[in-house]
C-alpha cells in the first residue's frame, strides 16, 4: 500500500455518515432542543426526531456534504450538549423572572394615573 492509499484509507475510516445524539425530553424540552440545534444548521445538516418508544428526542447530525468527520461529529455533540444546558438555563431564568419583568414593563408604561 502506498502512502497516499494509506492516507485515503485513514480519512475514509475517520468519516461517518451521521452522528445521532439522544436527548432526554424530560430534562430538555423540545423547544430547548430546537433552539440549540438551530444555531448549528450553518455547519451541519440537523434533524430532530421523537422516539416515542424510548421516550427521547434523537438529534441527527450530518455534514453538509453528506459525510461527517469524526472530529466534526465530536464537536457537534459537544456543542449540542453545551447549548442544551445554556438554553435550558435561559428558559428557567425566563420562567423565574417573568412576573418581575412584567411588573417592570407595566410600571414603565404606567402613565401615573391612579384608578
Protein backbone atom coordinates (compact mmCIF):
# COMPACT_ATOMS: atom_id res chain seq x y z
CA UNK A 1 0.00 0.00 0.00
CA UNK A 2 1.38 3.38 -0.97
CA UNK A 3 1.47 6.33 1.42
CA UNK A 4 -1.37 8.10 -0.41
CA UNK A 5 -3.50 4.93 -0.27
CA UNK A 6 -2.91 4.71 3.47
CA UNK A 7 -3.89 8.36 3.90
CA UNK A 8 -7.12 7.89 1.94
CA UNK A 9 -7.94 4.78 3.97
CA UNK A 10 -7.34 6.65 7.22
CA UNK A 11 -9.51 9.55 6.03
CA UNK A 12 -12.41 7.33 4.97
CA UNK A 13 -12.21 5.35 8.21
CA UNK A 14 -12.49 8.54 10.25
CA UNK A 15 -15.68 9.70 8.47
CA UNK A 16 -19.20 8.62 9.23
CA UNK A 17 -22.50 9.31 7.54
CA UNK A 18 -24.20 10.68 10.67
CA UNK A 19 -23.97 11.12 14.42
CA UNK A 20 -27.12 10.58 16.46
CA UNK A 21 -27.38 12.06 19.93
CA UNK A 22 -30.22 11.02 22.24
CA UNK A 23 -31.69 13.84 24.34
CA UNK A 24 -33.88 13.19 27.38
CA UNK A 25 -37.03 15.20 26.75
CA UNK A 26 -37.89 15.24 30.47
CA UNK A 27 -34.75 17.31 31.04
CA UNK A 28 -34.59 19.27 27.78
CA UNK A 29 -37.99 20.18 26.29
CA UNK A 30 -38.33 20.15 22.52
CA UNK A 31 -38.27 23.99 22.43
CA UNK A 32 -34.82 23.93 24.04
CA UNK A 33 -33.57 21.28 21.62
CA UNK A 34 -34.82 23.26 18.63
CA UNK A 35 -33.14 26.46 19.85
CA UNK A 36 -29.87 24.63 20.47
CA UNK A 37 -29.87 22.89 17.10
CA UNK A 38 -30.98 25.92 15.08
CA UNK A 39 -27.65 27.64 15.58
CA UNK A 40 -25.83 24.55 14.28
CA UNK A 41 -27.59 24.39 10.91
CA UNK A 42 -24.97 26.58 9.24
CA UNK A 43 -22.32 23.90 9.79
CA UNK A 44 -24.34 20.69 9.84
CA UNK A 45 -27.46 19.16 8.39
CA UNK A 46 -29.53 18.64 11.54
CA UNK A 47 -32.66 16.56 12.02
CA UNK A 48 -34.66 16.22 15.24
CA UNK A 49 -36.98 13.24 15.68
CA UNK A 50 -39.02 11.97 18.61
CA UNK A 51 -38.50 8.32 19.55
CA UNK A 52 -41.73 7.61 21.46
CA UNK A 53 -40.72 4.02 22.16
CA UNK A 54 -37.60 5.12 24.04
CA UNK A 55 -39.05 8.42 25.28
CA UNK A 56 -36.33 10.66 23.93
CA UNK A 57 -35.53 13.07 21.14
CA UNK A 58 -32.93 11.97 18.61
CA UNK A 59 -30.76 14.66 17.08
CA UNK A 60 -29.03 13.52 13.91
CA UNK A 61 -26.05 15.43 12.53
CA UNK A 62 -24.74 15.03 9.01
CA UNK A 63 -22.11 17.01 7.19
CA UNK A 64 -23.42 19.49 4.69
CA UNK A 65 -21.64 17.39 2.04
CA UNK A 66 -23.27 14.21 3.39
CA UNK A 67 -20.28 12.94 5.35
CA UNK A 68 -19.12 13.89 8.79
CA UNK A 69 -15.56 13.59 10.06
CA UNK A 70 -15.16 12.05 13.49
CA UNK A 71 -13.70 15.34 14.73
CA UNK A 72 -16.72 17.31 13.43
CA UNK A 73 -19.12 14.72 14.85
CA UNK A 74 -17.48 15.00 18.28
CA UNK A 75 -17.53 18.81 18.07
CA UNK A 76 -21.22 18.81 17.09
CA UNK A 77 -22.07 16.57 20.03
CA UNK A 78 -20.06 18.68 22.50
CA UNK A 79 -21.63 21.89 21.21
CA UNK A 80 -25.13 20.41 21.37
CA UNK A 81 -24.66 19.31 24.99
CA UNK A 82 -23.26 22.73 25.96
CA UNK A 83 -26.05 24.61 24.12
CA UNK A 84 -28.76 22.41 25.63
CA UNK A 85 -27.64 23.42 29.11
CA UNK A 86 -27.37 27.06 28.02
CA UNK A 87 -30.88 27.27 26.54
CA UNK A 88 -32.44 25.23 29.37
CA UNK A 89 -30.89 27.64 31.89
CA UNK A 90 -32.22 30.61 29.89
CA UNK A 91 -35.69 29.03 29.93
CA UNK A 92 -35.55 28.58 33.72
CA UNK A 93 -34.39 32.16 34.28
CA UNK A 94 -37.17 33.43 31.99
CA UNK A 95 -39.77 31.44 33.93
CA UNK A 96 -38.44 32.57 37.31
CA UNK A 97 -38.22 36.26 36.41
CA UNK A 98 -41.33 36.63 34.23
CA UNK A 99 -43.51 38.18 36.96
CA UNK A 100 -40.87 40.75 37.92
CA UNK A 101 -40.22 41.61 34.26
CA UNK A 102 -43.96 42.03 33.61
CA UNK A 103 -44.28 44.32 36.64
CA UNK A 104 -41.33 46.44 35.49
CA UNK A 105 -42.75 46.77 31.98
CA UNK A 106 -46.19 47.66 33.33
CA UNK A 107 -44.63 50.28 35.61
CA UNK A 108 -42.61 51.73 32.73
CA UNK A 109 -45.75 52.27 30.68
CA UNK A 110 -47.87 53.41 33.59
CA UNK A 111 -48.95 56.98 32.90
CA UNK A 112 -49.17 57.78 36.59
CA UNK A 113 -52.97 57.81 36.66
CA UNK A 114 -54.43 56.17 39.73
CA UNK A 115 -57.54 54.06 39.16
